[in-house]
Amino acid sequence: MEFTPFQHNHQLHNSSVTLPSFLQLDNVTPYIIFSQFFSPKQIEVIVQNTNIYAYYHIAKSNGNNRVWKELTAGELKIWLALVIFMGVFKFPSVDDYWKTDEVYPSNDITKLMSLFCFQQISK
């Protein structure tokens, strides 16, 4: 049986990259593009509200042996990078990203934050 690729009736849309004038394609990094969507002030507001939310829920549940270590802007950025990574590379379980066997490819990004810390922030 021969494979016949699907042929579109209409030409696909043309696309182009439009960057702010101060960014040039030869010096742009994924982080620089990310920074265009999240300003340092927005990151700080998310960090503050995450910490408030965590303390509120710990107090509401009478502690339940849960200890919250205050989130920092750097940790939030690592957490966001992990979430983006998980969106690109799909594994069956969140735990699988931290496995070190040959079944799952590993990435150094999981060395920047423990699974426990990732799960605590995710709550």
Protein backbone atom coordinates (compact mmCIF):
# COMPACT_ATOMS: atom_id res chain seq x y z
CA MET A 1 0.00 0.00 0.00
CA GLU A 2 1.39 3.38 -0.96
CA PHE A 3 1.10 6.37 1.35
CA THR A 4 -0.52 9.44 -0.19
CA PRO A 5 0.08 12.61 1.78
CA PHE A 6 -2.89 14.83 2.48
CA GLN A 7 -3.05 17.71 0.03
CA HIS A 8 -4.58 21.02 1.11
CA ASN A 9 -7.04 22.67 -1.25
CA HIS A 10 -5.86 26.10 -0.15
CA GLN A 11 -2.36 27.38 0.39
CA LEU A 12 -1.32 27.38 4.05
CA HIS A 13 -1.09 30.73 5.79
CA ASN A 14 2.23 32.49 5.61
CA SER A 15 3.77 33.31 8.93
CA SER A 16 6.47 35.67 10.05
CA VAL A 17 8.11 36.73 13.27
CA THR A 18 7.48 40.28 14.40
CA LEU A 19 9.69 41.31 17.28
CA PRO A 20 10.02 44.66 19.01
CA SER A 21 12.68 46.80 17.32
CA PHE A 22 15.14 46.39 20.21
CA LEU A 23 15.20 42.60 19.69
CA GLN A 24 17.18 41.12 16.86
CA LEU A 25 16.79 37.52 15.71
CA ASP A 26 20.51 36.86 16.10
CA ASN A 27 20.56 37.69 19.85
CA VAL A 28 17.11 36.65 21.04
CA THR A 29 16.75 33.74 23.47
CA PRO A 30 13.65 31.89 24.68
CA TYR A 31 14.02 33.62 28.05
CA ILE A 32 14.08 37.06 26.43
CA ILE A 33 10.86 36.24 24.58
CA PHE A 34 9.32 34.88 27.79
CA SER A 35 10.28 38.12 29.56
CA GLN A 36 8.20 40.06 27.06
CA PHE A 37 5.09 38.37 28.47
CA PHE A 38 5.95 38.43 32.19
CA SER A 39 7.51 41.59 33.60
CA PRO A 40 9.52 41.44 36.85
CA LYS A 41 6.59 43.21 38.56
CA GLN A 42 4.13 40.56 37.35
CA ILE A 43 6.44 37.79 38.56
CA GLU A 44 6.68 39.48 41.96
CA VAL A 45 2.88 39.82 42.23
CA ILE A 46 2.48 36.11 41.41
CA VAL A 47 5.11 35.21 44.05
CA GLN A 48 3.45 37.37 46.72
CA ASN A 49 -0.01 36.00 46.00
CA THR A 50 1.25 32.41 45.90
CA ASN A 51 2.83 32.86 49.33
CA ILE A 52 -0.34 34.47 50.73
CA TYR A 53 -2.46 31.66 49.28
CA ALA A 54 -0.17 28.97 50.73
CA TYR A 55 -0.17 30.50 54.21
CA TYR A 56 -3.94 30.92 54.11
CA HIS A 57 -4.52 27.27 53.24
CA ILE A 58 -2.00 26.01 55.78
CA ALA A 59 -3.74 28.04 58.50
CA LYS A 60 -7.17 26.91 57.30
CA SER A 61 -6.14 23.24 57.50
CA ASN A 62 -4.56 23.74 60.96
CA GLY A 63 -1.11 23.11 59.53
CA ASN A 64 -1.64 19.43 58.70
CA ASN A 65 2.14 18.97 59.10
CA ARG A 66 2.66 21.04 55.95
CA VAL A 67 5.51 23.52 56.07
CA TRP A 68 5.66 26.26 53.45
CA LYS A 69 9.01 27.68 52.39
CA GLU A 70 8.43 31.11 50.87
CA LEU A 71 8.50 31.08 47.10
CA THR A 72 11.02 33.34 45.37
CA ALA A 73 10.94 34.90 41.89
CA GLY A 74 13.77 32.59 40.79
CA GLU A 75 11.90 29.50 41.95
CA LEU A 76 8.73 30.65 40.18
CA LYS A 77 10.67 31.02 36.93
CA ILE A 78 12.07 27.49 37.31
CA TRP A 79 8.57 26.19 38.08
CA LEU A 80 7.20 27.92 34.96
CA ALA A 81 10.05 26.48 32.86
CA LEU A 82 9.18 23.00 34.15
CA VAL A 83 5.50 23.49 33.30
CA ILE A 84 6.43 24.59 29.77
CA PHE A 85 8.84 21.64 29.44
CA MET A 86 6.07 19.27 30.57
CA GLY A 87 3.75 20.77 27.97
CA VAL A 88 6.23 20.00 25.21
CA PHE A 89 7.41 16.56 26.39
CA LYS A 90 4.46 14.46 27.58
CA PHE A 91 5.15 11.74 30.17
CA PRO A 92 2.42 9.64 31.81
CA SER A 93 2.96 11.15 35.26
CA VAL A 94 4.55 14.25 36.76
CA ASP A 95 6.81 11.98 38.83
CA ASP A 96 8.28 10.56 35.60
CA TYR A 97 10.13 13.80 34.81
CA TRP A 98 12.37 13.20 37.84
CA LYS A 99 13.07 9.51 37.11
CA THR A 100 16.65 8.65 36.28
CA ASP A 101 16.23 5.36 34.43
CA GLU A 102 16.74 4.81 30.72
CA VAL A 103 12.99 4.53 29.98
CA TYR A 104 12.46 8.27 30.40
CA PRO A 105 14.83 10.82 28.92
CA SER A 106 16.13 13.12 31.62
CA ASN A 107 16.68 16.84 31.40
CA ASP A 108 18.88 19.01 33.59
CA ILE A 109 15.94 21.31 34.33
CA THR A 110 14.62 18.78 36.86
CA LYS A 111 17.90 19.17 38.78
CA LEU A 112 17.02 22.80 39.47
CA MET A 113 13.93 21.93 41.55
CA SER A 114 12.95 18.81 43.45
CA LEU A 115 9.73 16.97 42.67
CA PHE A 116 8.46 17.76 46.19
CA CYS A 117 9.08 21.50 45.73
CA PHE A 118 7.40 21.43 42.30
CA GLN A 119 4.35 19.71 43.79
CA GLN A 120 4.18 22.14 46.73
CA ILE A 121 4.15 25.15 44.40
CA SER A 122 1.60 23.43 42.14
CA LYS A 123 -0.85 23.09 45.01
